[in-house]
Amino acid sequence: MRVLAPLTIASVGLVLMGLKILADGEPGALPLLLVVLGATWYGVGRVLARGRRG
């Protein structure tokens, strides 16, 4: 679950960004925010999990 949620958010953001680029020619703020949020959440989770393992 710690990996699934952030990767799902980032994936949805990438899909929305692709569709937005095809439709308007620019990525849009919300898809970019979803990609950044998902990637950041995933990265922070990995760092914190590594710290707990030792």
C-alpha atoms as a PDB file:
ATOM      1  CA  MET A   1       0.000   0.000   0.000  1.00  0.00           C
ATOM      2  CA  ARG A   2       2.898   2.367   0.645  1.00  0.00           C
ATOM      3  CA  VAL A   3       4.034   1.958  -2.942  1.00  0.00           C
ATOM      4  CA  LEU A   4       0.676   1.503  -4.642  1.00  0.00           C
ATOM      5  CA  ALA A   5      -0.939   4.814  -3.649  1.00  0.00           C
ATOM      6  CA  PRO A   6       1.873   7.187  -4.728  1.00  0.00           C
ATOM      7  CA  LEU A   7       2.517   5.276  -7.944  1.00  0.00           C
ATOM      8  CA  THR A   8      -1.205   5.322  -8.751  1.00  0.00           C
ATOM      9  CA  ILE A   9      -1.354   9.079  -8.198  1.00  0.00           C
ATOM     10  CA  ALA A  10       1.722   9.647 -10.371  1.00  0.00           C
ATOM     11  CA  SER A  11       0.354   7.341 -13.083  1.00  0.00           C
ATOM     12  CA  VAL A  12      -2.996   9.132 -13.170  1.00  0.00           C
ATOM     13  CA  GLY A  13      -1.118  12.428 -13.401  1.00  0.00           C
ATOM     14  CA  LEU A  14       0.958  11.158 -16.326  1.00  0.00           C
ATOM     15  CA  VAL A  15      -2.138   9.947 -18.174  1.00  0.00           C
ATOM     16  CA  LEU A  16      -3.951  13.235 -17.574  1.00  0.00           C
ATOM     17  CA  MET A  17      -0.871  15.171 -18.665  1.00  0.00           C
ATOM     18  CA  GLY A  18      -0.638  13.176 -21.883  1.00  0.00           C
ATOM     19  CA  LEU A  19      -4.301  13.739 -22.665  1.00  0.00           C
ATOM     20  CA  LYS A  20      -4.025  17.439 -21.825  1.00  0.00           C
ATOM     21  CA  ILE A  21      -0.983  17.830 -24.082  1.00  0.00           C
ATOM     22  CA  LEU A  22      -2.811  16.111 -26.939  1.00  0.00           C
ATOM     23  CA  ALA A  23      -5.887  18.296 -26.449  1.00  0.00           C
ATOM     24  CA  ASP A  24      -4.377  21.708 -25.684  1.00  0.00           C
ATOM     25  CA  GLY A  25      -0.669  21.476 -26.454  1.00  0.00           C
ATOM     26  CA  GLU A  26       0.345  22.216 -22.855  1.00  0.00           C
ATOM     27  CA  PRO A  27       0.513  19.979 -19.774  1.00  0.00           C
ATOM     28  CA  GLY A  28      -1.677  21.855 -17.281  1.00  0.00           C
ATOM     29  CA  ALA A  29      -1.119  22.496 -13.591  1.00  0.00           C
ATOM     30  CA  LEU A  30      -3.197  19.732 -11.998  1.00  0.00           C
ATOM     31  CA  PRO A  31      -1.556  16.813 -13.861  1.00  0.00           C
ATOM     32  CA  LEU A  32       1.887  18.251 -13.093  1.00  0.00           C
ATOM     33  CA  LEU A  33       0.923  18.588  -9.433  1.00  0.00           C
ATOM     34  CA  LEU A  34      -0.259  14.965  -9.323  1.00  0.00           C
ATOM     35  CA  VAL A  35       2.989  13.712 -10.863  1.00  0.00           C
ATOM     36  CA  VAL A  36       5.134  15.756  -8.469  1.00  0.00           C
ATOM     37  CA  LEU A  37       3.004  14.764  -5.467  1.00  0.00           C
ATOM     38  CA  GLY A  38       3.122  11.058  -6.323  1.00  0.00           C
ATOM     39  CA  ALA A  39       6.855  11.065  -7.004  1.00  0.00           C
ATOM     40  CA  THR A  40       7.609  13.001  -3.816  1.00  0.00           C
ATOM     41  CA  TRP A  41       5.404  10.730  -1.710  1.00  0.00           C
ATOM     42  CA  TYR A  42       7.098   7.665  -3.187  1.00  0.00           C
ATOM     43  CA  GLY A  43      10.587   9.088  -2.611  1.00  0.00           C
ATOM     44  CA  VAL A  44       9.904  10.129   0.973  1.00  0.00           C
ATOM     45  CA  GLY A  45       8.382   6.733   1.707  1.00  0.00           C
ATOM     46  CA  ARG A  46      11.454   4.972   0.360  1.00  0.00           C
ATOM     47  CA  VAL A  47      13.818   7.114   2.409  1.00  0.00           C
ATOM     48  CA  LEU A  48      11.804   6.642   5.598  1.00  0.00           C
ATOM     49  CA  ALA A  49      11.513   2.888   5.032  1.00  0.00           C
ATOM     50  CA  ARG A  50      15.266   2.638   4.516  1.00  0.00           C
ATOM     51  CA  GLY A  51      15.844   4.537   7.781  1.00  0.00           C
ATOM     52  CA  ARG A  52      13.648   2.117   9.728  1.00  0.00           C
ATOM     53  CA  ARG A  53      15.440  -0.955   8.407  1.00  0.00           C
ATOM     54  CA  GLY A  54      18.775   0.231   9.611  1.00  0.00           C
END
